PDB file of N, CA and C in Angstrom:
ATOM      1  N   MET A   1       0.380  -2.824  77.386  1.00  0.00           N
ATOM      2  CA  MET A   1       0.863  -1.979  76.314  1.00  0.00           C
ATOM      3  C   MET A   1       0.208  -0.614  76.444  1.00  0.00           C
ATOM      4  N   LYS A   2       1.017   0.412  76.353  1.00  0.00           N
ATOM      5  CA  LYS A   2       0.488   1.764  76.429  1.00  0.00           C
ATOM      6  C   LYS A   2      -0.299   2.098  75.173  1.00  0.00           C
ATOM      7  N   LYS A   3      -1.234   3.034  75.324  1.00  0.00           N
ATOM      8  CA  LYS A   3      -2.083   3.409  74.192  1.00  0.00           C
ATOM      9  C   LYS A   3      -1.262   3.993  73.043  1.00  0.00           C
ATOM     10  N   GLU A   4      -0.250   4.802  73.363  1.00  0.00           N
ATOM     11  CA  GLU A   4       0.565   5.405  72.299  1.00  0.00           C
ATOM     12  C   GLU A   4       1.342   4.350  71.523  1.00  0.00           C
ATOM     13  N   ASN A   5       1.790   3.285  72.208  1.00  0.00           N
ATOM     14  CA  ASN A   5       2.496   2.211  71.509  1.00  0.00           C
ATOM     15  C   ASN A   5       1.552   1.424  70.608  1.00  0.00           C
ATOM     16  N   PHE A   6       0.313   1.196  71.088  1.00  0.00           N
ATOM     17  CA  PHE A   6      -0.658   0.468  70.278  1.00  0.00           C
ATOM     18  C   PHE A   6      -1.043   1.261  69.032  1.00  0.00           C
ATOM     19  N   VAL A   7      -1.281   2.545  69.201  1.00  0.00           N
ATOM     20  CA  VAL A   7      -1.635   3.398  68.057  1.00  0.00           C
ATOM     21  C   VAL A   7      -0.472   3.438  67.064  1.00  0.00           C
ATOM     22  N   SER A   8       0.759   3.554  67.581  1.00  0.00           N
ATOM     23  CA  SER A   8       1.929   3.553  66.701  1.00  0.00           C
ATOM     24  C   SER A   8       2.068   2.228  65.970  1.00  0.00           C
ATOM     25  N   LEU A   9       1.780   1.131  66.654  1.00  0.00           N
ATOM     26  CA  LEU A   9       1.847  -0.187  66.032  1.00  0.00           C
ATOM     27  C   LEU A   9       0.866  -0.295  64.871  1.00  0.00           C
ATOM     28  N   ILE A  10      -0.363   0.124  65.102  1.00  0.00           N
ATOM     29  CA  ILE A  10      -1.391   0.016  64.053  1.00  0.00           C
ATOM     30  C   ILE A  10      -1.061   0.939  62.876  1.00  0.00           C
ATOM     31  N   LEU A  11      -0.800   2.219  63.164  1.00  0.00           N
ATOM     32  CA  LEU A  11      -0.511   3.161  62.078  1.00  0.00           C
ATOM     33  C   LEU A  11       0.791   2.811  61.366  1.00  0.00           C
ATOM     34  N   GLY A  12       1.800   2.362  62.108  1.00  0.00           N
ATOM     35  CA  GLY A  12       3.063   1.969  61.494  1.00  0.00           C
ATOM     36  C   GLY A  12       2.899   0.775  60.568  1.00  0.00           C
ATOM     37  N   THR A  13       2.121  -0.203  60.996  1.00  0.00           N
ATOM     38  CA  THR A  13       1.885  -1.381  60.161  1.00  0.00           C
ATOM     39  C   THR A  13       1.155  -1.009  58.879  1.00  0.00           C
ATOM     40  N   ILE A  14       0.131  -0.198  59.010  1.00  0.00           N
ATOM     41  CA  ILE A  14      -0.628   0.222  57.825  1.00  0.00           C
ATOM     42  C   ILE A  14       0.271   1.030  56.887  1.00  0.00           C
ATOM     43  N   GLY A  15       1.018   1.977  57.430  1.00  0.00           N
ATOM     44  CA  GLY A  15       1.881   2.817  56.601  1.00  0.00           C
ATOM     45  C   GLY A  15       2.961   2.023  55.893  1.00  0.00           C
ATOM     46  N   VAL A  16       3.603   1.107  56.610  1.00  0.00           N
ATOM     47  CA  VAL A  16       4.673   0.310  56.003  1.00  0.00           C
ATOM     48  C   VAL A  16       4.111  -0.632  54.943  1.00  0.00           C
ATOM     49  N   MET A  17       2.935  -1.192  55.179  1.00  0.00           N
ATOM     50  CA  MET A  17       2.336  -2.088  54.187  1.00  0.00           C
ATOM     51  C   MET A  17       2.007  -1.331  52.895  1.00  0.00           C
ATOM     52  N   PHE A  18       1.418  -0.146  53.015  1.00  0.00           N
ATOM     53  CA  PHE A  18       1.134   0.651  51.822  1.00  0.00           C
ATOM     54  C   PHE A  18       2.427   1.038  51.106  1.00  0.00           C
ATOM     55  N   PHE A  19       3.430   1.464  51.877  1.00  0.00           N
ATOM     56  CA  PHE A  19       4.689   1.879  51.267  1.00  0.00           C
ATOM     57  C   PHE A  19       5.373   0.707  50.559  1.00  0.00           C
ATOM     58  N   ALA A  20       5.420  -0.451  51.216  1.00  0.00           N
ATOM     59  CA  ALA A  20       6.064  -1.626  50.619  1.00  0.00           C
ATOM     60  C   ALA A  20       5.308  -2.091  49.374  1.00  0.00           C
ATOM     61  N   LEU A  21       3.988  -2.100  49.433  1.00  0.00           N
ATOM     62  CA  LEU A  21       3.208  -2.497  48.260  1.00  0.00           C
ATOM     63  C   LEU A  21       3.436  -1.521  47.115  1.00  0.00           C
ATOM     64  N   GLY A  22       3.506  -0.237  47.431  1.00  0.00           N
ATOM     65  CA  GLY A  22       3.774   0.755  46.395  1.00  0.00           C
ATOM     66  C   GLY A  22       5.138   0.561  45.758  1.00  0.00           C
ATOM     67  N   MET A  23       6.148   0.243  46.576  1.00  0.00           N
ATOM     68  CA  MET A  23       7.478  -0.018  46.021  1.00  0.00           C
ATOM     69  C   MET A  23       7.459  -1.243  45.114  1.00  0.00           C
ATOM     70  N   CYS A  24       6.763  -2.297  45.538  1.00  0.00           N
ATOM     71  CA  CYS A  24       6.672  -3.491  44.693  1.00  0.00           C
ATOM     72  C   CYS A  24       5.962  -3.181  43.383  1.00  0.00           C
ATOM     73  N   MET A  25       4.909  -2.390  43.461  1.00  0.00           N
ATOM     74  CA  MET A  25       4.173  -2.036  42.248  1.00  0.00           C
ATOM     75  C   MET A  25       5.061  -1.244  41.287  1.00  0.00           C
ATOM     76  N   CYS A  26       5.948  -0.420  41.823  1.00  0.00           N
ATOM     77  CA  CYS A  26       6.835   0.374  40.975  1.00  0.00           C
ATOM     78  C   CYS A  26       7.969  -0.455  40.392  1.00  0.00           C
ATOM     79  N   LEU A  27       8.506  -1.374  41.174  1.00  0.00           N
ATOM     80  CA  LEU A  27       9.734  -2.056  40.780  1.00  0.00           C
ATOM     81  C   LEU A  27       9.525  -3.359  40.024  1.00  0.00           C
ATOM     82  N   ILE A  28       8.377  -3.971  40.149  1.00  0.00           N
ATOM     83  CA  ILE A  28       8.137  -5.224  39.427  1.00  0.00           C
ATOM     84  C   ILE A  28       7.422  -4.878  38.130  1.00  0.00           C
ATOM     85  N   SER A  29       8.177  -4.928  37.047  1.00  0.00           N
ATOM     86  CA  SER A  29       7.652  -4.448  35.761  1.00  0.00           C
ATOM     87  C   SER A  29       6.509  -5.315  35.227  1.00  0.00           C
ATOM     88  N   GLU A  30       6.442  -6.575  35.629  1.00  0.00           N
ATOM     89  CA  GLU A  30       5.367  -7.444  35.156  1.00  0.00           C
ATOM     90  C   GLU A  30       3.996  -6.991  35.632  1.00  0.00           C
ATOM     91  N   TRP A  31       3.948  -6.219  36.711  1.00  0.00           N
ATOM     92  CA  TRP A  31       2.676  -5.763  37.250  1.00  0.00           C
ATOM     93  C   TRP A  31       2.102  -4.600  36.453  1.00  0.00           C
ATOM     94  N   ASN A  32       2.942  -3.867  35.713  1.00  0.00           N
ATOM     95  CA  ASN A  32       2.502  -2.706  34.939  1.00  0.00           C
ATOM     96  C   ASN A  32       1.665  -1.734  35.790  1.00  0.00           C
ATOM     97  N   ALA A  33       2.183  -1.393  36.962  1.00  0.00           N
ATOM     98  CA  ALA A  33       1.432  -0.537  37.878  1.00  0.00           C
ATOM     99  C   ALA A  33       2.334   0.539  38.475  1.00  0.00           C
ATOM    100  N   PHE A  34       3.174   1.154  37.636  1.00  0.00           N
ATOM    101  CA  PHE A  34       4.135   2.122  38.154  1.00  0.00           C
ATOM    102  C   PHE A  34       3.445   3.335  38.766  1.00  0.00           C
ATOM    103  N   GLN A  35       2.514   3.945  38.049  1.00  0.00           N
ATOM    104  CA  GLN A  35       1.842   5.147  38.558  1.00  0.00           C
ATOM    105  C   GLN A  35       0.998   4.838  39.795  1.00  0.00           C
ATOM    106  N   GLN A  36       0.303   3.713  39.778  1.00  0.00           N
ATOM    107  CA  GLN A  36      -0.472   3.318  40.943  1.00  0.00           C
ATOM    108  C   GLN A  36       0.449   3.033  42.131  1.00  0.00           C
ATOM    109  N   GLY A  37       1.640   2.511  41.843  1.00  0.00           N
ATOM    110  CA  GLY A  37       2.609   2.241  42.900  1.00  0.00           C
ATOM    111  C   GLY A  37       3.111   3.521  43.555  1.00  0.00           C
ATOM    112  N   ILE A  38       3.313   4.550  42.754  1.00  0.00           N
ATOM    113  CA  ILE A  38       3.733   5.833  43.319  1.00  0.00           C
ATOM    114  C   ILE A  38       2.655   6.383  44.246  1.00  0.00           C
ATOM    115  N   ILE A  39       1.417   6.290  43.831  1.00  0.00           N
ATOM    116  CA  ILE A  39       0.310   6.775  44.664  1.00  0.00           C
ATOM    117  C   ILE A  39       0.209   5.951  45.943  1.00  0.00           C
ATOM    118  N   THR A  40       0.291   4.638  45.831  1.00  0.00           N
ATOM    119  CA  THR A  40       0.202   3.767  47.001  1.00  0.00           C
ATOM    120  C   THR A  40       1.355   4.020  47.964  1.00  0.00           C
ATOM    121  N   GLY A  41       2.569   4.169  47.441  1.00  0.00           N
ATOM    122  CA  GLY A  41       3.719   4.468  48.288  1.00  0.00           C
ATOM    123  C   GLY A  41       3.588   5.814  48.976  1.00  0.00           C
ATOM    124  N   ALA A  42       3.052   6.796  48.263  1.00  0.00           N
ATOM    125  CA  ALA A  42       2.855   8.125  48.858  1.00  0.00           C
ATOM    126  C   ALA A  42       1.821   8.067  49.978  1.00  0.00           C
ATOM    127  N   ILE A  43       0.777   7.270  49.797  1.00  0.00           N
ATOM    128  CA  ILE A  43      -0.216   7.092  50.862  1.00  0.00           C
ATOM    129  C   ILE A  43       0.450   6.495  52.101  1.00  0.00           C
ATOM    130  N   GLY A  44       1.323   5.513  51.891  1.00  0.00           N
ATOM    131  CA  GLY A  44       2.049   4.913  53.001  1.00  0.00           C
ATOM    132  C   GLY A  44       2.919   5.923  53.731  1.00  0.00           C
ATOM    133  N   LEU A  45       3.605   6.780  52.980  1.00  0.00           N
ATOM    134  CA  LEU A  45       4.433   7.808  53.612  1.00  0.00           C
ATOM    135  C   LEU A  45       3.590   8.804  54.407  1.00  0.00           C
ATOM    136  N   VAL A  46       2.429   9.161  53.886  1.00  0.00           N
ATOM    137  CA  VAL A  46       1.543  10.094  54.602  1.00  0.00           C
ATOM    138  C   VAL A  46       1.059   9.455  55.906  1.00  0.00           C
ATOM    139  N   VAL A  47       0.675   8.181  55.864  1.00  0.00           N
ATOM    140  CA  VAL A  47       0.229   7.495  57.083  1.00  0.00           C
ATOM    141  C   VAL A  47       1.361   7.427  58.101  1.00  0.00           C
ATOM    142  N   LEU A  48       2.588   7.165  57.652  1.00  0.00           N
ATOM    143  CA  LEU A  48       3.724   7.123  58.577  1.00  0.00           C
ATOM    144  C   LEU A  48       4.006   8.500  59.173  1.00  0.00           C
ATOM    145  N   PHE A  49       3.861   9.544  58.391  1.00  0.00           N
ATOM    146  CA  PHE A  49       4.047  10.897  58.918  1.00  0.00           C
ATOM    147  C   PHE A  49       2.962  11.235  59.938  1.00  0.00           C
ATOM    148  N   ILE A  50       1.729  10.830  59.657  1.00  0.00           N
ATOM    149  CA  ILE A  50       0.637  11.036  60.614  1.00  0.00           C
ATOM    150  C   ILE A  50       0.925  10.283  61.902  1.00  0.00           C
ATOM    151  N   MET A  51       1.456   9.048  61.781  1.00  0.00           N
ATOM    152  CA  MET A  51       1.807   8.270  62.960  1.00  0.00           C
ATOM    153  C   MET A  51       2.818   9.015  63.822  1.00  0.00           C
ATOM    154  N   LEU A  52       3.805   9.619  63.184  1.00  0.00           N
ATOM    155  CA  LEU A  52       4.824  10.364  63.915  1.00  0.00           C
ATOM    156  C   LEU A  52       4.214  11.538  64.675  1.00  0.00           C
ATOM    157  N   ILE A  53       3.344  12.270  64.023  1.00  0.00           N
ATOM    158  CA  ILE A  53       2.708  13.421  64.663  1.00  0.00           C
ATOM    159  C   ILE A  53       1.801  12.977  65.816  1.00  0.00           C
ATOM    160  N   VAL A  54       0.999  11.936  65.590  1.00  0.00           N
ATOM    161  CA  VAL A  54       0.084  11.447  66.622  1.00  0.00           C
ATOM    162  C   VAL A  54       0.863  10.927  67.825  1.00  0.00           C
ATOM    163  N   ARG A  55       1.934  10.191  67.583  1.00  0.00           N
ATOM    164  CA  ARG A  55       2.718   9.638  68.696  1.00  0.00           C
ATOM    165  C   ARG A  55       3.341  10.758  69.536  1.00  0.00           C
ATOM    166  N   ARG A  56       3.895  11.749  68.884  1.00  0.00           N
ATOM    167  CA  ARG A  56       4.494  12.855  69.637  1.00  0.00           C
ATOM    168  C   ARG A  56       3.435  13.612  70.433  1.00  0.00           C
ATOM    169  N   LYS A  57       2.263  13.768  69.866  1.00  0.00           N
ATOM    170  CA  LYS A  57       1.184  14.460  70.575  1.00  0.00           C
ATOM    171  C   LYS A  57       0.718  13.626  71.773  1.00  0.00           C
ATOM    172  N   MET A  58       0.625  12.307  71.617  1.00  0.00           N
ATOM    173  CA  MET A  58       0.197  11.447  72.718  1.00  0.00           C
ATOM    174  C   MET A  58       1.233  11.403  73.837  1.00  0.00           C
ATOM    175  N   GLN A  59       2.497  11.605  73.514  1.00  0.00           N
ATOM    176  CA  GLN A  59       3.548  11.620  74.514  1.00  0.00           C
ATOM    177  C   GLN A  59       3.701  12.993  75.156  1.00  0.00           C
ATOM    178  N   GLY A  60       2.963  13.976  74.668  1.00  0.00           N
ATOM    179  CA  GLY A  60       3.031  15.316  75.211  1.00  0.00           C
ATOM    180  C   GLY A  60       4.261  16.089  74.773  1.00  0.00           C
ATOM    181  N   LYS A  61       4.869  15.677  73.676  1.00  0.00           N
ATOM    182  CA  LYS A  61       6.058  16.361  73.171  1.00  0.00           C
ATOM    183  C   LYS A  61       5.651  17.433  72.165  1.00  0.00           C
ATOM    184  N   THR A  62       6.589  18.331  71.916  1.00  0.00           N
ATOM    185  CA  THR A  62       6.337  19.375  70.930  1.00  0.00           C
ATOM    186  C   THR A  62       6.413  18.798  69.526  1.00  0.00           C
ATOM    187  N   ALA A  63       6.074  19.634  68.572  1.00  0.00           N
ATOM    188  CA  ALA A  63       6.154  19.205  67.171  1.00  0.00           C
ATOM    189  C   ALA A  63       7.608  18.878  66.810  1.00  0.00           C
ATOM    190  N   ILE A  64       7.791  18.316  65.672  1.00  0.00           N
ATOM    191  CA  ILE A  64       9.115  17.894  65.226  1.00  0.00           C
ATOM    192  C   ILE A  64      10.022  19.115  65.095  1.00  0.00           C
ATOM    193  N   GLN A  65      11.193  19.026  65.703  1.00  0.00           N
ATOM    194  CA  GLN A  65      12.158  20.116  65.621  1.00  0.00           C
ATOM    195  C   GLN A  65      13.175  19.788  64.538  1.00  0.00           C
ATOM    196  N   LEU A  66      13.282  20.640  63.554  1.00  0.00           N
ATOM    197  CA  LEU A  66      14.231  20.410  62.473  1.00  0.00           C
ATOM    198  C   LEU A  66      15.594  20.981  62.854  1.00  0.00           C
ATOM    199  N   ASN A  67      16.536  20.090  63.093  1.00  0.00           N
ATOM    200  CA  ASN A  67      17.924  20.478  63.317  1.00  0.00           C
ATOM    201  C   ASN A  67      18.798  19.540  62.499  1.00  0.00           C
ATOM    202  N   THR A  68      20.088  19.718  62.559  1.00  0.00           N
ATOM    203  CA  THR A  68      20.974  18.914  61.705  1.00  0.00           C
ATOM    204  C   THR A  68      20.925  17.433  62.070  1.00  0.00           C
ATOM    205  N   LYS A  69      20.773  17.110  63.362  1.00  0.00           N
ATOM    206  CA  LYS A  69      20.705  15.696  63.755  1.00  0.00           C
ATOM    207  C   LYS A  69      19.446  15.038  63.189  1.00  0.00           C
ATOM    208  N   THR A  70      18.315  15.725  63.263  1.00  0.00           N
ATOM    209  CA  THR A  70      17.064  15.172  62.735  1.00  0.00           C
ATOM    210  C   THR A  70      17.156  14.974  61.227  1.00  0.00           C
ATOM    211  N   ILE A  71      17.669  15.956  60.533  1.00  0.00           N
ATOM    212  CA  ILE A  71      17.790  15.857  59.076  1.00  0.00           C
ATOM    213  C   ILE A  71      18.785  14.760  58.706  1.00  0.00           C
ATOM    214  N   GLY A  72      19.926  14.698  59.393  1.00  0.00           N
ATOM    215  CA  GLY A  72      20.924  13.656  59.114  1.00  0.00           C
ATOM    216  C   GLY A  72      20.390  12.258  59.373  1.00  0.00           C
ATOM    217  N   THR A  73      19.661  12.107  60.477  1.00  0.00           N
ATOM    218  CA  THR A  73      19.070  10.806  60.798  1.00  0.00           C
ATOM    219  C   THR A  73      18.055  10.400  59.739  1.00  0.00           C
ATOM    220  N   THR A  74      17.246  11.332  59.305  1.00  0.00           N
ATOM    221  CA  THR A  74      16.244  11.042  58.278  1.00  0.00           C
ATOM    222  C   THR A  74      16.915  10.656  56.959  1.00  0.00           C
ATOM    223  N   VAL A  75      17.930  11.399  56.572  1.00  0.00           N
ATOM    224  CA  VAL A  75      18.640  11.094  55.321  1.00  0.00           C
ATOM    225  C   VAL A  75      19.313   9.720  55.412  1.00  0.00           C
ATOM    226  N   LEU A  76      19.931   9.414  56.552  1.00  0.00           N
ATOM    227  CA  LEU A  76      20.565   8.105  56.721  1.00  0.00           C
ATOM    228  C   LEU A  76      19.535   6.982  56.630  1.00  0.00           C
ATOM    229  N   GLY A  77      18.373   7.181  57.233  1.00  0.00           N
ATOM    230  CA  GLY A  77      17.315   6.176  57.153  1.00  0.00           C
ATOM    231  C   GLY A  77      16.817   5.967  55.735  1.00  0.00           C
ATOM    232  N   ILE A  78      16.637   7.045  55.005  1.00  0.00           N
ATOM    233  CA  ILE A  78      16.165   6.941  53.617  1.00  0.00           C
ATOM    234  C   ILE A  78      17.209   6.252  52.755  1.00  0.00           C
ATOM    235  N   VAL A  79      18.467   6.663  52.883  1.00  0.00           N
ATOM    236  CA  VAL A  79      19.537   6.060  52.076  1.00  0.00           C
ATOM    237  C   VAL A  79      19.681   4.585  52.416  1.00  0.00           C
ATOM    238  N   GLY A  80      19.652   4.247  53.710  1.00  0.00           N
ATOM    239  CA  GLY A  80      19.771   2.846  54.114  1.00  0.00           C
ATOM    240  C   GLY A  80      18.644   1.994  53.557  1.00  0.00           C
ATOM    241  N   ALA A  81      17.415   2.514  53.621  1.00  0.00           N
ATOM    242  CA  ALA A  81      16.277   1.761  53.094  1.00  0.00           C
ATOM    243  C   ALA A  81      16.372   1.591  51.581  1.00  0.00           C
ATOM    244  N   LEU A  82      16.805   2.629  50.888  1.00  0.00           N
ATOM    245  CA  LEU A  82      16.944   2.527  49.430  1.00  0.00           C
ATOM    246  C   LEU A  82      18.050   1.556  49.034  1.00  0.00           C
ATOM    247  N   VAL A  83      19.172   1.591  49.746  1.00  0.00           N
ATOM    248  CA  VAL A  83      20.266   0.667  49.436  1.00  0.00           C
ATOM    249  C   VAL A  83      19.825  -0.767  49.701  1.00  0.00           C
ATOM    250  N   LEU A  84      19.141  -1.010  50.809  1.00  0.00           N
ATOM    251  CA  LEU A  84      18.627  -2.354  51.099  1.00  0.00           C
ATOM    252  C   LEU A  84      17.635  -2.791  50.024  1.00  0.00           C
ATOM    253  N   GLY A  85      16.768  -1.881  49.600  1.00  0.00           N
ATOM    254  CA  GLY A  85      15.794  -2.216  48.560  1.00  0.00           C
ATOM    255  C   GLY A  85      16.442  -2.528  47.220  1.00  0.00           C
ATOM    256  N   VAL A  86      17.483  -1.780  46.866  1.00  0.00           N
ATOM    257  CA  VAL A  86      18.195  -2.064  45.612  1.00  0.00           C
ATOM    258  C   VAL A  86      18.858  -3.433  45.689  1.00  0.00           C
ATOM    259  N   GLY A  87      19.452  -3.749  46.839  1.00  0.00           N
ATOM    260  CA  GLY A  87      20.054  -5.071  47.010  1.00  0.00           C
ATOM    261  C   GLY A  87      19.030  -6.183  46.881  1.00  0.00           C
ATOM    262  N   MET A  88      17.834  -5.968  47.447  1.00  0.00           N
ATOM    263  CA  MET A  88      16.778  -6.973  47.325  1.00  0.00           C
ATOM    264  C   MET A  88      16.331  -7.125  45.875  1.00  0.00           C
ATOM    265  N   CYS A  89      16.206  -6.012  45.159  1.00  0.00           N
ATOM    266  CA  CYS A  89      15.814  -6.084  43.749  1.00  0.00           C
ATOM    267  C   CYS A  89      16.874  -6.800  42.926  1.00  0.00           C
ATOM    268  N   MET A  90      18.138  -6.538  43.238  1.00  0.00           N
ATOM    269  CA  MET A  90      19.211  -7.195  42.494  1.00  0.00           C
ATOM    270  C   MET A  90      19.161  -8.711  42.675  1.00  0.00           C
ATOM    271  N   THR A  91      18.800  -9.171  43.876  1.00  0.00           N
ATOM    272  CA  THR A  91      18.773 -10.612  44.107  1.00  0.00           C
ATOM    273  C   THR A  91      17.495 -11.269  43.591  1.00  0.00           C
ATOM    274  N   MET A  92      16.362 -10.561  43.669  1.00  0.00           N
ATOM    275  CA  MET A  92      15.089 -11.213  43.365  1.00  0.00           C
ATOM    276  C   MET A  92      14.510 -10.878  42.003  1.00  0.00           C
ATOM    277  N   VAL A  93      14.817  -9.723  41.453  1.00  0.00           N
ATOM    278  CA  VAL A  93      14.153  -9.285  40.225  1.00  0.00           C
ATOM    279  C   VAL A  93      15.110  -9.316  39.045  1.00  0.00           C
ATOM    280  N   TRP A  94      16.282  -8.722  39.187  1.00  0.00           N
ATOM    281  CA  TRP A  94      17.208  -8.614  38.077  1.00  0.00           C
ATOM    282  C   TRP A  94      18.014  -9.893  37.926  1.00  0.00           C
ATOM    283  N   GLN A  95      18.403 -10.218  36.717  1.00  0.00           N
ATOM    284  CA  GLN A  95      19.067 -11.478  36.414  1.00  0.00           C
ATOM    285  C   GLN A  95      20.570 -11.414  36.683  1.00  0.00           C
ATOM    286  N   ASN A  96      21.125 -12.499  37.187  1.00  0.00           N
ATOM    287  CA  ASN A  96      22.567 -12.718  37.372  1.00  0.00           C
ATOM    288  C   ASN A  96      23.234 -11.669  38.266  1.00  0.00           C
ATOM    289  N   LEU A  97      22.547 -11.198  39.275  1.00  0.00           N
ATOM    290  CA  LEU A  97      23.126 -10.221  40.195  1.00  0.00           C
ATOM    291  C   LEU A  97      22.952 -10.661  41.646  1.00  0.00           C
ATOM    292  N   MET A  98      22.984 -11.965  41.893  1.00  0.00           N
ATOM    293  CA  MET A  98      22.728 -12.484  43.232  1.00  0.00           C
ATOM    294  C   MET A  98      23.795 -12.032  44.231  1.00  0.00           C
ATOM    295  N   ILE A  99      25.066 -12.270  43.950  1.00  0.00           N
ATOM    296  CA  ILE A  99      26.141 -11.950  44.889  1.00  0.00           C
ATOM    297  C   ILE A  99      26.266 -10.437  45.105  1.00  0.00           C
ATOM    298  N   PRO A 100      26.320  -9.625  44.025  1.00  0.00           N
ATOM    299  CA  PRO A 100      26.364  -8.177  44.278  1.00  0.00           C
ATOM    300  C   PRO A 100      25.129  -7.668  45.027  1.00  0.00           C
ATOM    301  N   GLY A 101      23.978  -8.259  44.773  1.00  0.00           N
ATOM    302  CA  GLY A 101      22.759  -7.860  45.477  1.00  0.00           C
ATOM    303  C   GLY A 101      22.827  -8.165  46.958  1.00  0.00           C
ATOM    304  N   ILE A 102      23.402  -9.317  47.304  1.00  0.00           N
ATOM    305  CA  ILE A 102      23.564  -9.669  48.711  1.00  0.00           C
ATOM    306  C   ILE A 102      24.508  -8.680  49.389  1.00  0.00           C
ATOM    307  N   VAL A 103      25.613  -8.342  48.723  1.00  0.00           N
ATOM    308  CA  VAL A 103      26.584  -7.406  49.302  1.00  0.00           C
ATOM    309  C   VAL A 103      25.943  -6.031  49.502  1.00  0.00           C
ATOM    310  N   ILE A 104      25.227  -5.545  48.503  1.00  0.00           N
ATOM    311  CA  ILE A 104      24.585  -4.236  48.613  1.00  0.00           C
ATOM    312  C   ILE A 104      23.483  -4.265  49.672  1.00  0.00           C
ATOM    313  N   GLY A 105      22.750  -5.366  49.761  1.00  0.00           N
ATOM    314  CA  GLY A 105      21.734  -5.502  50.803  1.00  0.00           C
ATOM    315  C   GLY A 105      22.338  -5.464  52.199  1.00  0.00           C
ATOM    316  N   ILE A 106      23.479  -6.110  52.385  1.00  0.00           N
ATOM    317  CA  ILE A 106      24.154  -6.089  53.687  1.00  0.00           C
ATOM    318  C   ILE A 106      24.629  -4.678  54.015  1.00  0.00           C
ATOM    319  N   ILE A 107      25.112  -3.951  53.010  1.00  0.00           N
ATOM    320  CA  ILE A 107      25.515  -2.557  53.235  1.00  0.00           C
ATOM    321  C   ILE A 107      24.304  -1.731  53.685  1.00  0.00           C
ATOM    322  N   GLY A 108      23.145  -1.962  53.067  1.00  0.00           N
ATOM    323  CA  GLY A 108      21.925  -1.261  53.472  1.00  0.00           C
ATOM    324  C   GLY A 108      21.522  -1.597  54.897  1.00  0.00           C
ATOM    325  N   ILE A 109      21.668  -2.871  55.286  1.00  0.00           N
ATOM    326  CA  ILE A 109      21.347  -3.275  56.658  1.00  0.00           C
ATOM    327  C   ILE A 109      22.288  -2.590  57.644  1.00  0.00           C
ATOM    328  N   VAL A 110      23.579  -2.511  57.303  1.00  0.00           N
ATOM    329  CA  VAL A 110      24.545  -1.850  58.179  1.00  0.00           C
ATOM    330  C   VAL A 110      24.204  -0.366  58.323  1.00  0.00           C
ATOM    331  N   LEU A 111      23.826   0.273  57.216  1.00  0.00           N
ATOM    332  CA  LEU A 111      23.421   1.682  57.292  1.00  0.00           C
ATOM    333  C   LEU A 111      22.221   1.863  58.216  1.00  0.00           C
ATOM    334  N   LEU A 112      21.256   0.962  58.117  1.00  0.00           N
ATOM    335  CA  LEU A 112      20.089   1.058  58.982  1.00  0.00           C
ATOM    336  C   LEU A 112      20.433   0.755  60.438  1.00  0.00           C
ATOM    337  N   LEU A 113      21.371  -0.156  60.664  1.00  0.00           N
ATOM    338  CA  LEU A 113      21.805  -0.440  62.033  1.00  0.00           C
ATOM    339  C   LEU A 113      22.537   0.753  62.656  1.00  0.00           C
ATOM    340  N   CYS A 114      23.146   1.588  61.827  1.00  0.00           N
ATOM    341  CA  CYS A 114      23.815   2.791  62.335  1.00  0.00           C
ATOM    342  C   CYS A 114      22.821   3.773  62.937  1.00  0.00           C
ATOM    343  N   LEU A 115      21.549   3.622  62.599  1.00  0.00           N
ATOM    344  CA  LEU A 115      20.537   4.508  63.164  1.00  0.00           C
ATOM    345  C   LEU A 115      20.340   4.286  64.661  1.00  0.00           C
ATOM    346  N   ILE A 116      20.577   3.067  65.131  1.00  0.00           N
ATOM    347  CA  ILE A 116      20.333   2.766  66.547  1.00  0.00           C
ATOM    348  C   ILE A 116      21.224   3.607  67.457  1.00  0.00           C
ATOM    349  N   PRO A 117      22.561   3.570  67.295  1.00  0.00           N
ATOM    350  CA  PRO A 117      23.350   4.416  68.183  1.00  0.00           C
ATOM    351  C   PRO A 117      23.176   5.917  67.897  1.00  0.00           C
ATOM    352  N   LEU A 118      22.809   6.246  66.663  1.00  0.00           N
ATOM    353  CA  LEU A 118      22.596   7.652  66.337  1.00  0.00           C
ATOM    354  C   LEU A 118      21.368   8.206  67.052  1.00  0.00           C
ATOM    355  N   CYS A 119      20.304   7.413  67.097  1.00  0.00           N
ATOM    356  CA  CYS A 119      19.070   7.872  67.737  1.00  0.00           C
ATOM    357  C   CYS A 119      19.098   7.702  69.252  1.00  0.00           C
ATOM    358  N   LYS A 120      19.532   6.543  69.726  1.00  0.00           N
ATOM    359  CA  LYS A 120      19.490   6.252  71.151  1.00  0.00           C
ATOM    360  C   LYS A 120      20.774   6.640  71.878  1.00  0.00           C
ATOM    361  N   GLY A 121      21.879   6.656  71.157  1.00  0.00           N
ATOM    362  CA  GLY A 121      23.159   6.958  71.789  1.00  0.00           C
ATOM    363  C   GLY A 121      23.762   5.708  72.422  1.00  0.00           C
ATOM    364  N   LEU A 122      25.043   5.757  72.682  1.00  0.00           N
ATOM    365  CA  LEU A 122      25.750   4.649  73.332  1.00  0.00           C
ATOM    366  C   LEU A 122      25.898   4.958  74.808  1.00  0.00           C
ATOM    367  N   LYS A 123      25.686   3.969  75.652  1.00  0.00           N
ATOM    368  CA  LYS A 123      25.803   4.176  77.096  1.00  0.00           C
ATOM    369  C   LYS A 123      26.817   3.216  77.667  1.00  0.00           C
TER     370      LYS A 123
END
């Protein structure tokens, strides 16, 4: 395993765990930890952003270039993750919304799967 992949693995795992825990803290009302969840989720996002910068630097690439493809890909990823998360909440947290939650979750998964050909391209 290359060093850049290992560093990305560690930072990505830490960032995603903080972000996911923060989302759970915000969305599960029984925990009464909405503000703490926002802080925890923000920490996760900062770690993921640091991971992106460190990985690009280790690969010898330039800083992130903001163009329409980068912005569109980022927006699609955010929307897909939010739609998947809403579907999960509908099935696990909210009452009597199992079937609509499954449908919305599948739509979120499809949106996230659209990122693969968008980022890597079709060959």
